[in-house]
């Protein structure tokens, strides 16, 4: 399993232990869906993946790797001028 190879902590059943934001015990490694919670069905696994993606995005913004959309420069063709 990739997670074990990366050094992520696993529970007694072999599932990845992940925090509420889906961060694992290894910095910058996130786990979502059935690898972290075997009880999730497909729609819940998709939602769990979205939660992990949000946590990754927040972290990248906090680290200055990404700019929030509102702070990013907008191309002139996307900016509407009032008439």
PDB file of N, CA and C in Angstrom:
ATOM      1  N   UNK A   1       0.843  -1.172   0.000  1.00  0.00           N
ATOM      2  CA  UNK A   1       0.000   0.000   0.000  1.00  0.00           C
ATOM      3  C   UNK A   1       0.892   1.240   0.000  1.00  0.00           C
ATOM      4  N   UNK A   2       0.520   2.204  -0.828  1.00  0.00           N
ATOM      5  CA  UNK A   2       1.292   3.438  -0.965  1.00  0.00           C
ATOM      6  C   UNK A   2       1.411   4.186   0.357  1.00  0.00           C
ATOM      7  N   UNK A   3       0.294   4.316   1.081  1.00  0.00           N
ATOM      8  CA  UNK A   3       0.309   5.067   2.340  1.00  0.00           C
ATOM      9  C   UNK A   3       1.299   4.467   3.333  1.00  0.00           C
ATOM     10  N   UNK A   4       1.321   3.159   3.447  1.00  0.00           N
ATOM     11  CA  UNK A   4       2.262   2.502   4.362  1.00  0.00           C
ATOM     12  C   UNK A   4       3.696   2.733   3.911  1.00  0.00           C
ATOM     13  N   UNK A   5       3.912   2.695   2.604  1.00  0.00           N
ATOM     14  CA  UNK A   5       5.245   2.948   2.069  1.00  0.00           C
ATOM     15  C   UNK A   5       5.738   4.363   2.330  1.00  0.00           C
ATOM     16  N   UNK A   6       4.781   5.297   2.420  1.00  0.00           N
ATOM     17  CA  UNK A   6       5.137   6.687   2.723  1.00  0.00           C
ATOM     18  C   UNK A   6       5.325   6.920   4.216  1.00  0.00           C
ATOM     19  N   UNK A   7       4.946   5.925   5.021  1.00  0.00           N
ATOM     20  CA  UNK A   7       5.110   6.029   6.464  1.00  0.00           C
ATOM     21  C   UNK A   7       3.877   6.499   7.210  1.00  0.00           C
ATOM     22  N   UNK A   8       2.722   6.516   6.552  1.00  0.00           N
ATOM     23  CA  UNK A   8       1.479   6.942   7.210  1.00  0.00           C
ATOM     24  C   UNK A   8       1.065   5.939   8.279  1.00  0.00           C
ATOM     25  N   UNK A   9       0.555   6.472   9.370  1.00  0.00           N
ATOM     26  CA  UNK A   9       0.049   5.601  10.432  1.00  0.00           C
ATOM     27  C   UNK A   9      -1.217   4.901   9.948  1.00  0.00           C
ATOM     28  N   UNK A  10      -1.320   3.630  10.288  1.00  0.00           N
ATOM     29  CA  UNK A  10      -2.484   2.825   9.928  1.00  0.00           C
ATOM     30  C   UNK A  10      -3.163   2.334  11.193  1.00  0.00           C
ATOM     31  N   UNK A  11      -4.480   2.115  11.109  1.00  0.00           N
ATOM     32  CA  UNK A  11      -5.166   1.550  12.263  1.00  0.00           C
ATOM     33  C   UNK A  11      -4.981   0.038  12.281  1.00  0.00           C
ATOM     34  N   UNK A  12      -5.581  -0.624  13.263  1.00  0.00           N
ATOM     35  CA  UNK A  12      -5.393  -2.072  13.422  1.00  0.00           C
ATOM     36  C   UNK A  12      -5.945  -2.873  12.245  1.00  0.00           C
ATOM     37  N   UNK A  13      -6.819  -2.277  11.439  1.00  0.00           N
ATOM     38  CA  UNK A  13      -7.383  -2.973  10.273  1.00  0.00           C
ATOM     39  C   UNK A  13      -6.641  -2.638   8.985  1.00  0.00           C
ATOM     40  N   UNK A  14      -5.649  -1.732   9.056  1.00  0.00           N
ATOM     41  CA  UNK A  14      -4.854  -1.374   7.888  1.00  0.00           C
ATOM     42  C   UNK A  14      -5.332  -0.148   7.138  1.00  0.00           C
ATOM     43  N   UNK A  15      -6.304   0.574   7.711  1.00  0.00           N
ATOM     44  CA  UNK A  15      -6.780   1.790   7.068  1.00  0.00           C
ATOM     45  C   UNK A  15      -5.946   2.982   7.536  1.00  0.00           C
ATOM     46  N   UNK A  16      -5.792   3.956   6.657  1.00  0.00           N
ATOM     47  CA  UNK A  16      -4.984   5.139   6.950  1.00  0.00           C
ATOM     48  C   UNK A  16      -5.681   5.971   8.021  1.00  0.00           C
ATOM     49  N   UNK A  17      -4.922   6.392   9.012  1.00  0.00           N
ATOM     50  CA  UNK A  17      -5.445   7.278  10.050  1.00  0.00           C
ATOM     51  C   UNK A  17      -5.298   8.713   9.534  1.00  0.00           C
ATOM     52  N   UNK A  18      -6.434   9.418   9.459  1.00  0.00           N
ATOM     53  CA  UNK A  18      -6.424  10.791   8.945  1.00  0.00           C
ATOM     54  C   UNK A  18      -7.206  11.694   9.892  1.00  0.00           C
ATOM     55  N   UNK A  19      -6.728  12.912  10.030  1.00  0.00           N
ATOM     56  CA  UNK A  19      -7.401  13.911  10.869  1.00  0.00           C
ATOM     57  C   UNK A  19      -8.677  14.385  10.171  1.00  0.00           C
ATOM     58  N   UNK A  20      -9.419  15.248  10.835  1.00  0.00           N
ATOM     59  CA  UNK A  20     -10.660  15.775  10.278  1.00  0.00           C
ATOM     60  C   UNK A  20     -10.441  16.456   8.922  1.00  0.00           C
ATOM     61  N   UNK A  21      -9.279  17.116   8.749  1.00  0.00           N
ATOM     62  CA  UNK A  21      -8.979  17.763   7.466  1.00  0.00           C
ATOM     63  C   UNK A  21      -8.336  16.792   6.476  1.00  0.00           C
ATOM     64  N   UNK A  22      -8.285  15.515   6.855  1.00  0.00           N
ATOM     65  CA  UNK A  22      -7.777  14.396   6.053  1.00  0.00           C
ATOM     66  C   UNK A  22      -6.254  14.332   5.989  1.00  0.00           C
ATOM     67  N   UNK A  23      -5.555  15.149   6.776  1.00  0.00           N
ATOM     68  CA  UNK A  23      -4.090  15.087   6.873  1.00  0.00           C
ATOM     69  C   UNK A  23      -3.710  13.801   7.590  1.00  0.00           C
ATOM     70  N   UNK A  24      -2.707  13.107   7.067  1.00  0.00           N
ATOM     71  CA  UNK A  24      -2.233  11.880   7.708  1.00  0.00           C
ATOM     72  C   UNK A  24      -1.100  12.214   8.675  1.00  0.00           C
ATOM     73  N   UNK A  25      -0.475  11.196   9.214  1.00  0.00           N
ATOM     74  CA  UNK A  25       0.649  11.403  10.129  1.00  0.00           C
ATOM     75  C   UNK A  25       1.909  11.866   9.400  1.00  0.00           C
ATOM     76  N   UNK A  26       1.885  11.830   8.072  1.00  0.00           N
ATOM     77  CA  UNK A  26       3.017  12.286   7.262  1.00  0.00           C
ATOM     78  C   UNK A  26       2.670  13.664   6.693  1.00  0.00           C
ATOM     79  N   UNK A  27       3.515  14.641   6.945  1.00  0.00           N
ATOM     80  CA  UNK A  27       3.280  16.003   6.473  1.00  0.00           C
ATOM     81  C   UNK A  27       3.056  16.023   4.966  1.00  0.00           C
ATOM     82  N   UNK A  28       2.032  16.745   4.531  1.00  0.00           N
ATOM     83  CA  UNK A  28       1.683  16.928   3.128  1.00  0.00           C
ATOM     84  C   UNK A  28       1.103  15.685   2.458  1.00  0.00           C
ATOM     85  N   UNK A  29       0.715  14.701   3.243  1.00  0.00           N
ATOM     86  CA  UNK A  29       0.049  13.517   2.686  1.00  0.00           C
ATOM     87  C   UNK A  29      -1.355  13.474   3.270  1.00  0.00           C
ATOM     88  N   UNK A  30      -2.340  13.461   2.378  1.00  0.00           N
ATOM     89  CA  UNK A  30      -3.749  13.462   2.776  1.00  0.00           C
ATOM     90  C   UNK A  30      -4.383  12.155   2.325  1.00  0.00           C
ATOM     91  N   UNK A  31      -5.375  11.690   3.075  1.00  0.00           N
ATOM     92  CA  UNK A  31      -6.084  10.456   2.727  1.00  0.00           C
ATOM     93  C   UNK A  31      -7.579  10.713   2.775  1.00  0.00           C
ATOM     94  N   UNK A  32      -8.287  10.177   1.803  1.00  0.00           N
ATOM     95  CA  UNK A  32      -9.729  10.385   1.746  1.00  0.00           C
ATOM     96  C   UNK A  32     -10.405   9.137   1.199  1.00  0.00           C
ATOM     97  N   UNK A  33     -11.692   9.039   1.483  1.00  0.00           N
ATOM     98  CA  UNK A  33     -12.466   7.928   0.950  1.00  0.00           C
ATOM     99  C   UNK A  33     -12.237   6.640   1.703  1.00  0.00           C
ATOM    100  N   UNK A  34     -12.377   5.538   0.993  1.00  0.00           N
ATOM    101  CA  UNK A  34     -12.341   4.225   1.631  1.00  0.00           C
ATOM    102  C   UNK A  34     -10.976   3.805   2.159  1.00  0.00           C
ATOM    103  N   UNK A  35      -9.903   4.485   1.770  1.00  0.00           N
ATOM    104  CA  UNK A  35      -8.601   4.120   2.337  1.00  0.00           C
ATOM    105  C   UNK A  35      -8.485   4.619   3.776  1.00  0.00           C
ATOM    106  N   UNK A  36      -9.320   5.620   4.132  1.00  0.00           N
ATOM    107  CA  UNK A  36      -9.292   6.167   5.490  1.00  0.00           C
ATOM    108  C   UNK A  36     -10.538   5.802   6.289  1.00  0.00           C
ATOM    109  N   UNK A  37     -11.632   5.513   5.610  1.00  0.00           N
ATOM    110  CA  UNK A  37     -12.879   5.158   6.293  1.00  0.00           C
ATOM    111  C   UNK A  37     -13.611   4.111   5.467  1.00  0.00           C
ATOM    112  N   UNK A  38     -13.524   2.843   5.865  1.00  0.00           N
ATOM    113  CA  UNK A  38     -14.104   1.768   5.057  1.00  0.00           C
ATOM    114  C   UNK A  38     -15.629   1.809   4.964  1.00  0.00           C
ATOM    115  N   UNK A  39     -16.277   2.627   5.773  1.00  0.00           N
ATOM    116  CA  UNK A  39     -17.738   2.672   5.778  1.00  0.00           C
ATOM    117  C   UNK A  39     -18.313   3.658   4.760  1.00  0.00           C
ATOM    118  N   UNK A  40     -17.482   4.396   4.066  1.00  0.00           N
ATOM    119  CA  UNK A  40     -17.981   5.397   3.132  1.00  0.00           C
ATOM    120  C   UNK A  40     -18.443   4.748   1.824  1.00  0.00           C
ATOM    121  N   UNK A  41     -19.606   5.162   1.351  1.00  0.00           N
ATOM    122  CA  UNK A  41     -20.056   4.732   0.035  1.00  0.00           C
ATOM    123  C   UNK A  41     -19.488   5.707  -0.999  1.00  0.00           C
ATOM    124  N   UNK A  42     -19.793   5.489  -2.261  1.00  0.00           N
ATOM    125  CA  UNK A  42     -19.185   6.298  -3.316  1.00  0.00           C
ATOM    126  C   UNK A  42     -19.469   7.795  -3.149  1.00  0.00           C
ATOM    127  N   UNK A  43     -20.722   8.223  -2.980  1.00  0.00           N
ATOM    128  CA  UNK A  43     -20.948   9.664  -2.830  1.00  0.00           C
ATOM    129  C   UNK A  43     -20.227  10.265  -1.619  1.00  0.00           C
ATOM    130  N   UNK A  44     -20.190   9.541  -0.515  1.00  0.00           N
ATOM    131  CA  UNK A  44     -19.493  10.054   0.663  1.00  0.00           C
ATOM    132  C   UNK A  44     -17.982  10.068   0.456  1.00  0.00           C
ATOM    133  N   UNK A  45     -17.465   9.118  -0.279  1.00  0.00           N
ATOM    134  CA  UNK A  45     -16.033   9.114  -0.594  1.00  0.00           C
ATOM    135  C   UNK A  45     -15.672  10.307  -1.471  1.00  0.00           C
ATOM    136  N   UNK A  46     -16.555  10.644  -2.410  1.00  0.00           N
ATOM    137  CA  UNK A  46     -16.334  11.812  -3.261  1.00  0.00           C
ATOM    138  C   UNK A  46     -16.310  13.076  -2.398  1.00  0.00           C
ATOM    139  N   UNK A  47     -17.272  13.180  -1.491  1.00  0.00           N
ATOM    140  CA  UNK A  47     -17.317  14.345  -0.596  1.00  0.00           C
ATOM    141  C   UNK A  47     -16.076  14.405   0.282  1.00  0.00           C
ATOM    142  N   UNK A  48     -15.610  13.259   0.739  1.00  0.00           N
ATOM    143  CA  UNK A  48     -14.413  13.209   1.565  1.00  0.00           C
ATOM    144  C   UNK A  48     -13.199  13.687   0.771  1.00  0.00           C
ATOM    145  N   UNK A  49     -13.146  13.328  -0.498  1.00  0.00           N
ATOM    146  CA  UNK A  49     -12.072  13.807  -1.364  1.00  0.00           C
ATOM    147  C   UNK A  49     -12.124  15.313  -1.544  1.00  0.00           C
ATOM    148  N   UNK A  50     -13.328  15.855  -1.634  1.00  0.00           N
ATOM    149  CA  UNK A  50     -13.475  17.311  -1.736  1.00  0.00           C
ATOM    150  C   UNK A  50     -12.994  17.987  -0.458  1.00  0.00           C
ATOM    151  N   UNK A  51     -13.267  17.373   0.680  1.00  0.00           N
ATOM    152  CA  UNK A  51     -12.798  17.938   1.953  1.00  0.00           C
ATOM    153  C   UNK A  51     -11.271  17.945   1.986  1.00  0.00           C
ATOM    154  N   UNK A  52     -10.655  16.872   1.522  1.00  0.00           N
ATOM    155  CA  UNK A  52      -9.187  16.807   1.474  1.00  0.00           C
ATOM    156  C   UNK A  52      -8.645  17.863   0.512  1.00  0.00           C
ATOM    157  N   UNK A  53      -9.289  18.013  -0.647  1.00  0.00           N
ATOM    158  CA  UNK A  53      -8.837  19.012  -1.625  1.00  0.00           C
ATOM    159  C   UNK A  53      -8.930  20.418  -1.047  1.00  0.00           C
ATOM    160  N   UNK A  54      -9.981  20.695  -0.309  1.00  0.00           N
ATOM    161  CA  UNK A  54     -10.129  22.006   0.326  1.00  0.00           C
ATOM    162  C   UNK A  54      -8.997  22.243   1.327  1.00  0.00           C
ATOM    163  N   UNK A  55      -8.672  21.221   2.125  1.00  0.00           N
ATOM    164  CA  UNK A  55      -7.591  21.355   3.106  1.00  0.00           C
ATOM    165  C   UNK A  55      -6.248  21.606   2.417  1.00  0.00           C
ATOM    166  N   UNK A  56      -6.015  20.918   1.304  1.00  0.00           N
ATOM    167  CA  UNK A  56      -4.771  21.129   0.551  1.00  0.00           C
ATOM    168  C   UNK A  56      -4.736  22.561   0.016  1.00  0.00           C
ATOM    169  N   UNK A  57      -5.861  23.026  -0.554  1.00  0.00           N
ATOM    170  CA  UNK A  57      -5.915  24.380  -1.090  1.00  0.00           C
ATOM    171  C   UNK A  57      -5.667  25.421  -0.003  1.00  0.00           C
ATOM    172  N   UNK A  58      -6.286  25.259   1.149  1.00  0.00           N
ATOM    173  CA  UNK A  58      -6.095  26.194   2.262  1.00  0.00           C
ATOM    174  C   UNK A  58      -4.623  26.235   2.661  1.00  0.00           C
ATOM    175  N   UNK A  59      -4.020  25.080   2.746  1.00  0.00           N
ATOM    176  CA  UNK A  59      -2.611  25.035   3.138  1.00  0.00           C
ATOM    177  C   UNK A  59      -1.717  25.734   2.109  1.00  0.00           C
ATOM    178  N   UNK A  60      -1.977  25.502   0.825  1.00  0.00           N
ATOM    179  CA  UNK A  60      -1.176  26.138  -0.214  1.00  0.00           C
ATOM    180  C   UNK A  60      -1.337  27.650  -0.193  1.00  0.00           C
ATOM    181  N   UNK A  61      -2.540  28.129   0.079  1.00  0.00           N
ATOM    182  CA  UNK A  61      -2.759  29.572   0.186  1.00  0.00           C
ATOM    183  C   UNK A  61      -2.021  30.122   1.404  1.00  0.00           C
ATOM    184  N   UNK A  62      -2.122  29.425   2.539  1.00  0.00           N
ATOM    185  CA  UNK A  62      -1.441  29.870   3.754  1.00  0.00           C
ATOM    186  C   UNK A  62       0.067  29.924   3.571  1.00  0.00           C
ATOM    187  N   UNK A  63       0.615  29.006   2.789  1.00  0.00           N
ATOM    188  CA  UNK A  63       2.056  28.963   2.555  1.00  0.00           C
ATOM    189  C   UNK A  63       2.496  29.926   1.448  1.00  0.00           C
ATOM    190  N   UNK A  64       1.534  30.582   0.810  1.00  0.00           N
ATOM    191  CA  UNK A  64       1.860  31.531  -0.244  1.00  0.00           C
ATOM    192  C   UNK A  64       2.137  30.894  -1.587  1.00  0.00           C
ATOM    193  N   UNK A  65       1.857  29.616  -1.722  1.00  0.00           N
ATOM    194  CA  UNK A  65       2.073  28.925  -2.992  1.00  0.00           C
ATOM    195  C   UNK A  65       0.995  29.335  -3.993  1.00  0.00           C
ATOM    196  N   UNK A  66      -0.228  29.512  -3.516  1.00  0.00           N
ATOM    197  CA  UNK A  66      -1.363  29.944  -4.342  1.00  0.00           C
ATOM    198  C   UNK A  66      -1.919  31.236  -3.788  1.00  0.00           C
ATOM    199  N   UNK A  67      -2.497  32.028  -4.648  1.00  0.00           N
ATOM    200  CA  UNK A  67      -3.204  33.231  -4.212  1.00  0.00           C
ATOM    201  C   UNK A  67      -4.692  32.917  -4.198  1.00  0.00           C
ATOM    202  N   UNK A  68      -5.417  33.438  -3.229  1.00  0.00           N
ATOM    203  CA  UNK A  68      -6.869  33.282  -3.271  1.00  0.00           C
ATOM    204  C   UNK A  68      -7.412  33.925  -4.549  1.00  0.00           C
ATOM    205  N   UNK A  69      -8.482  33.394  -5.089  1.00  0.00           N
ATOM    206  CA  UNK A  69      -9.029  33.882  -6.356  1.00  0.00           C
ATOM    207  C   UNK A  69      -9.309  35.378  -6.314  1.00  0.00           C
ATOM    208  N   UNK A  70      -9.820  35.889  -5.205  1.00  0.00           N
ATOM    209  CA  UNK A  70     -10.153  37.306  -5.120  1.00  0.00           C
ATOM    210  C   UNK A  70      -8.905  38.187  -5.183  1.00  0.00           C
ATOM    211  N   UNK A  71      -7.759  37.684  -4.745  1.00  0.00           N
ATOM    212  CA  UNK A  71      -6.532  38.477  -4.731  1.00  0.00           C
ATOM    213  C   UNK A  71      -5.740  38.336  -6.027  1.00  0.00           C
ATOM    214  N   UNK A  72      -6.086  37.347  -6.830  1.00  0.00           N
ATOM    215  CA  UNK A  72      -5.353  37.122  -8.081  1.00  0.00           C
ATOM    216  C   UNK A  72      -5.699  38.209  -9.086  1.00  0.00           C
ATOM    217  N   UNK A  73      -4.730  38.553  -9.889  1.00  0.00           N
ATOM    218  CA  UNK A  73      -4.971  39.552 -10.934  1.00  0.00           C
ATOM    219  C   UNK A  73      -5.963  38.975 -11.932  1.00  0.00           C
ATOM    220  N   UNK A  74      -6.911  39.780 -12.352  1.00  0.00           N
ATOM    221  CA  UNK A  74      -7.919  39.327 -13.298  1.00  0.00           C
ATOM    222  C   UNK A  74      -7.569  39.842 -14.687  1.00  0.00           C
ATOM    223  N   UNK A  75      -7.622  38.983 -15.684  1.00  0.00           N
ATOM    224  CA  UNK A  75      -7.373  39.437 -17.045  1.00  0.00           C
ATOM    225  C   UNK A  75      -8.391  40.513 -17.438  1.00  0.00           C
ATOM    226  N   UNK A  76      -7.949  41.487 -18.194  1.00  0.00           N
ATOM    227  CA  UNK A  76      -8.805  42.620 -18.559  1.00  0.00           C
ATOM    228  C   UNK A  76     -10.081  42.172 -19.253  1.00  0.00           C
ATOM    229  N   UNK A  77     -10.018  41.117 -20.051  1.00  0.00           N
ATOM    230  CA  UNK A  77     -11.213  40.683 -20.769  1.00  0.00           C
ATOM    231  C   UNK A  77     -12.278  40.089 -19.843  1.00  0.00           C
ATOM    232  N   UNK A  78     -11.914  39.740 -18.631  1.00  0.00           N
ATOM    233  CA  UNK A  78     -12.883  39.205 -17.680  1.00  0.00           C
ATOM    234  C   UNK A  78     -13.490  40.271 -16.789  1.00  0.00           C
ATOM    235  N   UNK A  79     -12.903  41.447 -16.785  1.00  0.00           N
ATOM    236  CA  UNK A  79     -13.394  42.528 -15.934  1.00  0.00           C
ATOM    237  C   UNK A  79     -14.438  43.308 -16.721  1.00  0.00           C
ATOM    238  N   UNK A  80     -15.657  43.363 -16.176  1.00  0.00           N
ATOM    239  CA  UNK A  80     -16.736  44.082 -16.843  1.00  0.00           C
ATOM    240  C   UNK A  80     -16.751  45.526 -16.370  1.00  0.00           C
ATOM    241  N   UNK A  81     -16.895  46.410 -17.302  1.00  0.00           N
ATOM    242  CA  UNK A  81     -17.016  47.825 -16.943  1.00  0.00           C
ATOM    243  C   UNK A  81     -18.488  48.206 -16.946  1.00  0.00           C
ATOM    244  N   UNK A  82     -18.933  48.974 -15.938  1.00  0.00           N
ATOM    245  CA  UNK A  82     -20.326  49.361 -15.908  1.00  0.00           C
ATOM    246  C   UNK A  82     -20.673  50.289 -17.077  1.00  0.00           C
ATOM    247  N   UNK A  83     -21.906  50.166 -17.551  1.00  0.00           N
ATOM    248  CA  UNK A  83     -22.337  51.008 -18.689  1.00  0.00           C
ATOM    249  C   UNK A  83     -23.097  52.194 -18.212  1.00  0.00           C
TER     250      UNK A  83
END
